Amino acid sequence: MDIATATLLILGAIVIALIWFAATRLRAADSVHYRTVATRGADAQEETNKQLGDIQAQLTDMNRRIAQVERILQDAE
């Protein structure tokens, strides 16, 4: 094997190692990003559930008040 072939093989191995290293780093960064997105999604879902509970309580109160108004109107007839 001559020096040019050996140099080409070594450079090829270095390029492959660099590509593998870069891909590993990108996958790690993606993993962190996905965890961040998942955390934000969970937080948003908790906030939405809280707001939904508040809306349900308000709706229950409104239904109670409407029932009272209907009774008052029926009594007035």
N, C-alpha and C. Protein backbone atom coordinates (compact mmCIF):
# COMPACT_ATOMS: atom_id res chain seq x y z
N MET A 1 0.85 -1.16 0.00
CA MET A 1 0.00 0.00 0.00
C MET A 1 0.91 1.23 0.00
N ASP A 2 0.62 2.13 -0.92
CA ASP A 2 1.47 3.33 -1.00
C ASP A 2 0.96 4.41 -0.04
N ILE A 3 1.70 5.48 0.07
CA ILE A 3 1.42 6.54 1.04
C ILE A 3 0.12 7.27 0.72
N ALA A 4 -0.21 7.43 -0.56
CA ALA A 4 -1.43 8.12 -0.96
C ALA A 4 -2.67 7.33 -0.52
N THR A 5 -2.62 6.03 -0.67
CA THR A 5 -3.75 5.19 -0.27
C THR A 5 -3.92 5.22 1.25
N ALA A 6 -2.82 5.13 1.97
CA ALA A 6 -2.87 5.16 3.42
C ALA A 6 -3.41 6.51 3.91
N THR A 7 -2.96 7.59 3.29
CA THR A 7 -3.43 8.92 3.66
C THR A 7 -4.92 9.05 3.38
N LEU A 8 -5.37 8.55 2.26
CA LEU A 8 -6.78 8.60 1.89
C LEU A 8 -7.63 7.80 2.88
N LEU A 9 -7.15 6.64 3.27
CA LEU A 9 -7.87 5.83 4.26
C LEU A 9 -7.96 6.52 5.61
N ILE A 10 -6.87 7.13 6.03
CA ILE A 10 -6.85 7.84 7.32
C ILE A 10 -7.80 9.04 7.27
N LEU A 11 -7.74 9.81 6.19
CA LEU A 11 -8.63 10.96 6.04
C LEU A 11 -10.10 10.52 6.00
N GLY A 12 -10.36 9.43 5.31
CA GLY A 12 -11.73 8.90 5.26
C GLY A 12 -12.22 8.50 6.64
N ALA A 13 -11.35 7.86 7.42
CA ALA A 13 -11.72 7.46 8.77
C ALA A 13 -11.98 8.69 9.65
N ILE A 14 -11.16 9.72 9.48
CA ILE A 14 -11.35 10.96 10.25
C ILE A 14 -12.67 11.62 9.87
N VAL A 15 -12.97 11.69 8.58
CA VAL A 15 -14.23 12.29 8.13
C VAL A 15 -15.42 11.50 8.68
N ILE A 16 -15.35 10.19 8.63
CA ILE A 16 -16.44 9.36 9.15
C ILE A 16 -16.60 9.60 10.66
N ALA A 17 -15.50 9.68 11.39
CA ALA A 17 -15.56 9.93 12.83
C ALA A 17 -16.17 11.30 13.12
N LEU A 18 -15.81 12.31 12.35
CA LEU A 18 -16.36 13.65 12.54
C LEU A 18 -17.87 13.68 12.25
N ILE A 19 -18.27 13.00 11.21
CA ILE A 19 -19.70 12.93 10.88
C ILE A 19 -20.46 12.22 12.00
N TRP A 20 -19.92 11.13 12.48
CA TRP A 20 -20.57 10.39 13.57
C TRP A 20 -20.67 11.26 14.82
N PHE A 21 -19.59 11.97 15.14
CA PHE A 21 -19.57 12.85 16.31
C PHE A 21 -20.62 13.96 16.17
N ALA A 22 -20.68 14.58 15.00
CA ALA A 22 -21.65 15.65 14.77
C ALA A 22 -23.09 15.12 14.87
N ALA A 23 -23.33 13.96 14.32
CA ALA A 23 -24.67 13.37 14.39
C ALA A 23 -25.06 13.06 15.82
N THR A 24 -24.11 12.57 16.61
CA THR A 24 -24.37 12.28 18.02
C THR A 24 -24.71 13.55 18.77
N ARG A 25 -23.98 14.61 18.51
CA ARG A 25 -24.24 15.89 19.17
C ARG A 25 -25.60 16.44 18.77
N LEU A 26 -25.95 16.32 17.50
CA LEU A 26 -27.25 16.81 17.04
C LEU A 26 -28.39 16.02 17.68
N ARG A 27 -28.22 14.70 17.80
CA ARG A 27 -29.24 13.89 18.44
C ARG A 27 -29.41 14.28 19.91
N ALA A 28 -28.32 14.59 20.58
CA ALA A 28 -28.39 15.01 21.98
C ALA A 28 -29.11 16.35 22.09
N ALA A 29 -28.82 17.26 21.18
CA ALA A 29 -29.49 18.56 21.18
C ALA A 29 -30.97 18.39 20.90
N ASP A 30 -31.33 17.51 19.98
CA ASP A 30 -32.73 17.25 19.67
C ASP A 30 -33.44 16.67 20.89
N SER A 31 -32.76 15.79 21.60
CA SER A 31 -33.35 15.18 22.79
C SER A 31 -33.69 16.25 23.83
N VAL A 32 -32.78 17.18 24.03
CA VAL A 32 -33.02 18.28 24.98
C VAL A 32 -34.18 19.13 24.49
N HIS A 33 -34.20 19.41 23.20
CA HIS A 33 -35.28 20.21 22.62
C HIS A 33 -36.63 19.50 22.80
N TYR A 34 -36.67 18.21 22.53
CA TYR A 34 -37.92 17.46 22.68
C TYR A 34 -38.39 17.45 24.12
N ARG A 35 -37.46 17.32 25.06
CA ARG A 35 -37.83 17.36 26.48
C ARG A 35 -38.41 18.73 26.84
N THR A 36 -37.80 19.78 26.32
CA THR A 36 -38.30 21.13 26.58
C THR A 36 -39.70 21.31 26.01
N VAL A 37 -39.90 20.84 24.79
CA VAL A 37 -41.22 20.94 24.17
C VAL A 37 -42.25 20.13 24.96
N ALA A 38 -41.87 18.95 25.39
CA ALA A 38 -42.78 18.10 26.16
C ALA A 38 -43.14 18.76 27.49
N THR A 39 -42.17 19.37 28.14
CA THR A 39 -42.43 20.07 29.40
C THR A 39 -43.38 21.23 29.19
N ARG A 40 -43.14 22.01 28.13
CA ARG A 40 -44.03 23.13 27.82
C ARG A 40 -45.44 22.62 27.53
N GLY A 41 -45.53 21.53 26.80
CA GLY A 41 -46.84 20.96 26.48
C GLY A 41 -47.58 20.51 27.73
N ALA A 42 -46.86 19.88 28.64
CA ALA A 42 -47.48 19.42 29.89
C ALA A 42 -47.93 20.62 30.73
N ASP A 43 -47.11 21.67 30.78
CA ASP A 43 -47.48 22.87 31.52
C ASP A 43 -48.72 23.53 30.91
N ALA A 44 -48.74 23.59 29.58
CA ALA A 44 -49.90 24.18 28.90
C ALA A 44 -51.15 23.36 29.15
N GLN A 45 -51.01 22.04 29.17
CA GLN A 45 -52.16 21.18 29.42
C GLN A 45 -52.68 21.37 30.85
N GLU A 46 -51.78 21.50 31.81
CA GLU A 46 -52.20 21.75 33.19
C GLU A 46 -52.96 23.08 33.30
N GLU A 47 -52.44 24.11 32.65
CA GLU A 47 -53.10 25.42 32.67
C GLU A 47 -54.47 25.34 32.00
N THR A 48 -54.55 24.62 30.89
CA THR A 48 -55.83 24.45 30.20
C THR A 48 -56.83 23.71 31.08
N ASN A 49 -56.37 22.67 31.76
CA ASN A 49 -57.25 21.93 32.66
C ASN A 49 -57.75 22.81 33.81
N LYS A 50 -56.88 23.66 34.32
CA LYS A 50 -57.27 24.58 35.39
C LYS A 50 -58.33 25.55 34.88
N GLN A 51 -58.08 26.11 33.70
CA GLN A 51 -59.05 27.05 33.13
C GLN A 51 -60.37 26.36 32.83
N LEU A 52 -60.31 25.13 32.36
CA LEU A 52 -61.53 24.38 32.09
C LEU A 52 -62.32 24.15 33.38
N GLY A 53 -61.64 23.85 34.45
CA GLY A 53 -62.30 23.69 35.74
C GLY A 53 -62.98 24.98 36.17
N ASP A 54 -62.28 26.12 35.98
CA ASP A 54 -62.87 27.41 36.32
C ASP A 54 -64.11 27.70 35.48
N ILE A 55 -64.03 27.40 34.19
CA ILE A 55 -65.17 27.62 33.29
C ILE A 55 -66.34 26.73 33.69
N GLN A 56 -66.05 25.48 34.03
CA GLN A 56 -67.12 24.57 34.46
C GLN A 56 -67.80 25.08 35.73
N ALA A 57 -67.02 25.62 36.66
CA ALA A 57 -67.59 26.17 37.89
C ALA A 57 -68.47 27.37 37.57
N GLN A 58 -68.01 28.23 36.66
CA GLN A 58 -68.80 29.40 36.26
C GLN A 58 -70.08 28.97 35.56
N LEU A 59 -69.99 27.96 34.72
CA LEU A 59 -71.17 27.47 34.01
C LEU A 59 -72.17 26.87 34.98
N THR A 60 -71.71 26.15 35.97
CA THR A 60 -72.59 25.59 36.99
C THR A 60 -73.30 26.71 37.74
N ASP A 61 -72.55 27.74 38.10
CA ASP A 61 -73.15 28.88 38.79
C ASP A 61 -74.18 29.58 37.91
N MET A 62 -73.86 29.74 36.63
CA MET A 62 -74.81 30.38 35.70
C MET A 62 -76.07 29.55 35.55
N ASN A 63 -75.94 28.24 35.46
CA ASN A 63 -77.11 27.37 35.37
C ASN A 63 -77.99 27.49 36.61
N ARG A 64 -77.35 27.57 37.76
CA ARG A 64 -78.09 27.74 39.01
C ARG A 64 -78.85 29.06 39.00
N ARG A 65 -78.19 30.13 38.57
CA ARG A 65 -78.84 31.44 38.52
C ARG A 65 -79.98 31.47 37.51
N ILE A 66 -79.78 30.84 36.36
CA ILE A 66 -80.84 30.80 35.35
C ILE A 66 -82.05 30.04 35.88
N ALA A 67 -81.80 28.97 36.60
CA ALA A 67 -82.90 28.20 37.20
C ALA A 67 -83.67 29.08 38.19
N GLN A 68 -82.96 29.89 38.96
CA GLN A 68 -83.62 30.80 39.90
C GLN A 68 -84.46 31.83 39.16
N VAL A 69 -83.91 32.39 38.09
CA VAL A 69 -84.64 33.39 37.29
C VAL A 69 -85.87 32.74 36.67
N GLU A 70 -85.75 31.52 36.17
CA GLU A 70 -86.90 30.83 35.59
C GLU A 70 -87.99 30.61 36.64
N ARG A 71 -87.59 30.23 37.85
CA ARG A 71 -88.58 30.06 38.93
C ARG A 71 -89.27 31.37 39.26
N ILE A 72 -88.50 32.44 39.29
CA ILE A 72 -89.08 33.77 39.58
C ILE A 72 -90.08 34.15 38.48
N LEU A 73 -89.68 33.90 37.21
CA LEU A 73 -90.58 34.24 36.11
C LEU A 73 -91.84 33.37 36.11
N GLN A 74 -91.70 32.12 36.46
CA GLN A 74 -92.87 31.24 36.54
C GLN A 74 -93.80 31.69 37.67
N ASP A 75 -93.23 32.11 38.77
CA ASP A 75 -94.04 32.61 39.88
C ASP A 75 -94.75 33.90 39.51
N ALA A 76 -94.13 34.71 38.67
CA ALA A 76 -94.71 35.99 38.26
C ALA A 76 -95.87 35.79 37.28
N GLU A 77 -95.94 34.68 36.60
CA GLU A 77 -97.01 34.44 35.64
C GLU A 77 -98.30 34.21 36.25
